[in-house]
C-alpha cells in the first residue's frame, strides 16, 4: 500500500513538472508569483 502511494505521488509530481516546463504555463506561474509578491509588499507598507 505504501509503495502505491509513492508511485502515485511520483506520477503526480512528474505531471506537474512537465506542465510547468511549458512556456505558456511558465508565464502563468510568473504572473501568479508577482501577484503574491505585490500583495505581500502592500501588507507590509501599511
PDB file of N, CA and C in Angstrom:
ATOM      1  N   UNK A   1       0.827  -1.196   0.000  1.00  0.00           N
ATOM      2  CA  UNK A   1       0.000   0.000   0.000  1.00  0.00           C
ATOM      3  C   UNK A   1       0.868   1.256   0.000  1.00  0.00           C
ATOM      4  N   UNK A   2       1.908   1.282   0.828  1.00  0.00           N
ATOM      5  CA  UNK A   2       2.779   2.442   0.906  1.00  0.00           C
ATOM      6  C   UNK A   2       3.520   2.677  -0.396  1.00  0.00           C
ATOM      7  N   UNK A   3       3.900   1.598  -1.060  1.00  0.00           N
ATOM      8  CA  UNK A   3       4.614   1.733  -2.328  1.00  0.00           C
ATOM      9  C   UNK A   3       3.697   2.322  -3.398  1.00  0.00           C
ATOM     10  N   UNK A   4       2.441   1.969  -3.370  1.00  0.00           N
ATOM     11  CA  UNK A   4       1.493   2.507  -4.349  1.00  0.00           C
ATOM     12  C   UNK A   4       1.305   4.008  -4.154  1.00  0.00           C
ATOM     13  N   UNK A   5       1.303   4.460  -2.916  1.00  0.00           N
ATOM     14  CA  UNK A   5       1.202   5.902  -2.630  1.00  0.00           C
ATOM     15  C   UNK A   5       2.396   6.639  -3.219  1.00  0.00           C
ATOM     16  N   UNK A   6       3.585   6.062  -3.047  1.00  0.00           N
ATOM     17  CA  UNK A   6       4.805   6.679  -3.566  1.00  0.00           C
ATOM     18  C   UNK A   6       4.783   6.737  -5.088  1.00  0.00           C
ATOM     19  N   UNK A   7       4.328   5.653  -5.720  1.00  0.00           N
ATOM     20  CA  UNK A   7       4.247   5.616  -7.181  1.00  0.00           C
ATOM     21  C   UNK A   7       3.248   6.657  -7.671  1.00  0.00           C
ATOM     22  N   UNK A   8       2.115   6.770  -7.005  1.00  0.00           N
ATOM     23  CA  UNK A   8       1.107   7.755  -7.389  1.00  0.00           C
ATOM     24  C   UNK A   8       1.636   9.171  -7.199  1.00  0.00           C
ATOM     25  N   UNK A   9       2.319   9.418  -6.094  1.00  0.00           N
ATOM     26  CA  UNK A   9       2.878  10.736  -5.831  1.00  0.00           C
ATOM     27  C   UNK A   9       3.937  11.088  -6.873  1.00  0.00           C
ATOM     28  N   UNK A  10       4.730  10.123  -7.258  1.00  0.00           N
ATOM     29  CA  UNK A  10       5.755  10.345  -8.272  1.00  0.00           C
ATOM     30  C   UNK A  10       5.100  10.682  -9.612  1.00  0.00           C
ATOM     31  N   UNK A  11       4.016  10.004  -9.950  1.00  0.00           N
ATOM     32  CA  UNK A  11       3.297  10.287 -11.190  1.00  0.00           C
ATOM     33  C   UNK A  11       2.724  11.690 -11.201  1.00  0.00           C
ATOM     34  N   UNK A  12       2.161  12.106 -10.091  1.00  0.00           N
ATOM     35  CA  UNK A  12       1.608  13.457  -9.978  1.00  0.00           C
ATOM     36  C   UNK A  12       2.721  14.496 -10.075  1.00  0.00           C
ATOM     37  N   UNK A  13       3.825  14.236  -9.404  1.00  0.00           N
ATOM     38  CA  UNK A  13       4.954  15.177  -9.435  1.00  0.00           C
ATOM     39  C   UNK A  13       5.498  15.324 -10.850  1.00  0.00           C
ATOM     40  N   UNK A  14       5.584  14.224 -11.595  1.00  0.00           N
ATOM     41  CA  UNK A  14       6.079  14.290 -12.969  1.00  0.00           C
ATOM     42  C   UNK A  14       5.127  15.094 -13.843  1.00  0.00           C
ATOM     43  N   UNK A  15       3.835  14.912 -13.652  1.00  0.00           N
ATOM     44  CA  UNK A  15       2.843  15.658 -14.429  1.00  0.00           C
ATOM     45  C   UNK A  15       2.965  17.157 -14.144  1.00  0.00           C
ATOM     46  N   UNK A  16       3.091  17.524 -12.886  1.00  0.00           N
ATOM     47  CA  UNK A  16       3.234  18.936 -12.505  1.00  0.00           C
ATOM     48  C   UNK A  16       4.504  19.506 -13.112  1.00  0.00           C
ATOM     49  N   UNK A  17       5.596  18.754 -13.043  1.00  0.00           N
ATOM     50  CA  UNK A  17       6.870  19.198 -13.600  1.00  0.00           C
ATOM     51  C   UNK A  17       6.766  19.402 -15.116  1.00  0.00           C
ATOM     52  N   UNK A  18       6.163  18.442 -15.793  1.00  0.00           N
ATOM     53  CA  UNK A  18       6.011  18.549 -17.253  1.00  0.00           C
ATOM     54  C   UNK A  18       5.165  19.753 -17.633  1.00  0.00           C
ATOM     55  N   UNK A  19       4.093  19.995 -16.904  1.00  0.00           N
ATOM     56  CA  UNK A  19       3.228  21.136 -17.202  1.00  0.00           C
ATOM     57  C   UNK A  19       3.930  22.456 -16.921  1.00  0.00           C
ATOM     58  N   UNK A  20       4.744  22.489 -15.877  1.00  0.00           N
ATOM     59  CA  UNK A  20       5.434  23.724 -15.512  1.00  0.00           C
ATOM     60  C   UNK A  20       6.506  24.102 -16.534  1.00  0.00           C
ATOM     61  N   UNK A  21       6.967  23.160 -17.315  1.00  0.00           N
ATOM     62  CA  UNK A  21       8.002  23.438 -18.306  1.00  0.00           C
ATOM     63  C   UNK A  21       7.445  24.082 -19.569  1.00  0.00           C
ATOM     64  N   UNK A  22       6.140  24.031 -19.766  1.00  0.00           N
ATOM     65  CA  UNK A  22       5.543  24.618 -20.965  1.00  0.00           C
ATOM     66  C   UNK A  22       5.581  26.144 -20.865  1.00  0.00           C
ATOM     67  N   UNK A  23       5.967  26.819 -21.957  1.00  0.00           N
ATOM     68  CA  UNK A  23       6.135  28.285 -21.906  1.00  0.00           C
ATOM     69  C   UNK A  23       4.891  29.046 -21.451  1.00  0.00           C
ATOM     70  N   UNK A  24       3.708  28.669 -21.932  1.00  0.00           N
ATOM     71  CA  UNK A  24       2.518  29.423 -21.521  1.00  0.00           C
ATOM     72  C   UNK A  24       2.211  29.212 -20.043  1.00  0.00           C
ATOM     73  N   UNK A  25       2.550  28.057 -19.513  1.00  0.00           N
ATOM     74  CA  UNK A  25       2.353  27.825 -18.083  1.00  0.00           C
ATOM     75  C   UNK A  25       3.408  28.557 -17.260  1.00  0.00           C
ATOM     76  N   UNK A  26       4.614  28.695 -17.796  1.00  0.00           N
ATOM     77  CA  UNK A  26       5.651  29.459 -17.100  1.00  0.00           C
ATOM     78  C   UNK A  26       5.208  30.904 -16.939  1.00  0.00           C
ATOM     79  N   UNK A  27       4.577  31.447 -17.974  1.00  0.00           N
ATOM     80  CA  UNK A  27       4.086  32.826 -17.896  1.00  0.00           C
ATOM     81  C   UNK A  27       3.009  32.954 -16.817  1.00  0.00           C
ATOM     82  N   UNK A  28       2.132  31.971 -16.737  1.00  0.00           N
ATOM     83  CA  UNK A  28       1.079  31.998 -15.719  1.00  0.00           C
ATOM     84  C   UNK A  28       1.682  31.920 -14.320  1.00  0.00           C
ATOM     85  N   UNK A  29       2.697  31.079 -14.152  1.00  0.00           N
ATOM     86  CA  UNK A  29       3.340  30.928 -12.848  1.00  0.00           C
ATOM     87  C   UNK A  29       4.025  32.229 -12.446  1.00  0.00           C
ATOM     88  N   UNK A  30       4.745  32.847 -13.380  1.00  0.00           N
ATOM     89  CA  UNK A  30       5.428  34.104 -13.086  1.00  0.00           C
ATOM     90  C   UNK A  30       4.430  35.193 -12.700  1.00  0.00           C
ATOM     91  N   UNK A  31       3.300  35.227 -13.382  1.00  0.00           N
ATOM     92  CA  UNK A  31       2.273  36.221 -13.083  1.00  0.00           C
ATOM     93  C   UNK A  31       1.710  35.980 -11.675  1.00  0.00           C
ATOM     94  N   UNK A  32       1.449  34.737 -11.328  1.00  0.00           N
ATOM     95  CA  UNK A  32       0.915  34.419 -10.004  1.00  0.00           C
ATOM     96  C   UNK A  32       1.908  34.780  -8.905  1.00  0.00           C
ATOM     97  N   UNK A  33       3.186  34.494  -9.130  1.00  0.00           N
ATOM     98  CA  UNK A  33       4.213  34.832  -8.148  1.00  0.00           C
ATOM     99  C   UNK A  33       4.290  36.340  -7.964  1.00  0.00           C
ATOM    100  N   UNK A  34       4.213  37.081  -9.058  1.00  0.00           N
ATOM    101  CA  UNK A  34       4.274  38.538  -8.975  1.00  0.00           C
ATOM    102  C   UNK A  34       3.079  39.090  -8.199  1.00  0.00           C
ATOM    103  N   UNK A  35       1.896  38.510  -8.402  1.00  0.00           N
ATOM    104  CA  UNK A  35       0.711  38.955  -7.673  1.00  0.00           C
ATOM    105  C   UNK A  35       0.877  38.726  -6.174  1.00  0.00           C
ATOM    106  N   UNK A  36       1.427  37.578  -5.814  1.00  0.00           N
ATOM    107  CA  UNK A  36       1.646  37.280  -4.393  1.00  0.00           C
ATOM    108  C   UNK A  36       2.648  38.265  -3.808  1.00  0.00           C
ATOM    109  N   UNK A  37       3.717  38.539  -4.542  1.00  0.00           N
ATOM    110  CA  UNK A  37       4.714  39.496  -4.057  1.00  0.00           C
ATOM    111  C   UNK A  37       4.097  40.875  -3.876  1.00  0.00           C
ATOM    112  N   UNK A  38       3.254  41.283  -4.808  1.00  0.00           N
ATOM    113  CA  UNK A  38       2.607  42.587  -4.698  1.00  0.00           C
ATOM    114  C   UNK A  38       1.704  42.656  -3.474  1.00  0.00           C
ATOM    115  N   UNK A  39       0.946  41.600  -3.227  1.00  0.00           N
ATOM    116  CA  UNK A  39       0.055  41.577  -2.076  1.00  0.00           C
ATOM    117  C   UNK A  39       0.853  41.636  -0.778  1.00  0.00           C
ATOM    118  N   UNK A  40       1.951  40.883  -0.731  1.00  0.00           N
ATOM    119  CA  UNK A  40       2.764  40.883   0.490  1.00  0.00           C
ATOM    120  C   UNK A  40       3.411  42.223   0.727  1.00  0.00           C
ATOM    121  N   UNK A  41       3.888  42.875  -0.336  1.00  0.00           N
ATOM    122  CA  UNK A  41       4.552  44.168  -0.159  1.00  0.00           C
ATOM    123  C   UNK A  41       3.539  45.237   0.247  1.00  0.00           C
ATOM    124  N   UNK A  42       2.312  45.146  -0.211  1.00  0.00           N
ATOM    125  CA  UNK A  42       1.274  46.107   0.189  1.00  0.00           C
ATOM    126  C   UNK A  42       0.922  45.923   1.653  1.00  0.00           C
ATOM    127  N   UNK A  43       0.919  44.697   2.126  1.00  0.00           N
ATOM    128  CA  UNK A  43       0.594  44.438   3.523  1.00  0.00           C
ATOM    129  C   UNK A  43       1.649  44.952   4.467  1.00  0.00           C
ATOM    130  N   UNK A  44       2.890  44.956   4.075  1.00  0.00           N
ATOM    131  CA  UNK A  44       3.990  45.398   4.926  1.00  0.00           C
ATOM    132  C   UNK A  44       4.064  46.909   5.021  1.00  0.00           C
ATOM    133  N   UNK A  45       3.669  47.607   3.956  1.00  0.00           N
ATOM    134  CA  UNK A  45       3.800  49.060   3.958  1.00  0.00           C
ATOM    135  C   UNK A  45       2.725  49.748   4.786  1.00  0.00           C
ATOM    136  N   UNK A  46       1.658  49.044   5.111  1.00  0.00           N
ATOM    137  CA  UNK A  46       0.557  49.642   5.881  1.00  0.00           C
ATOM    138  C   UNK A  46       0.884  49.754   7.335  1.00  0.00           C
TER     139      UNK A  46
END
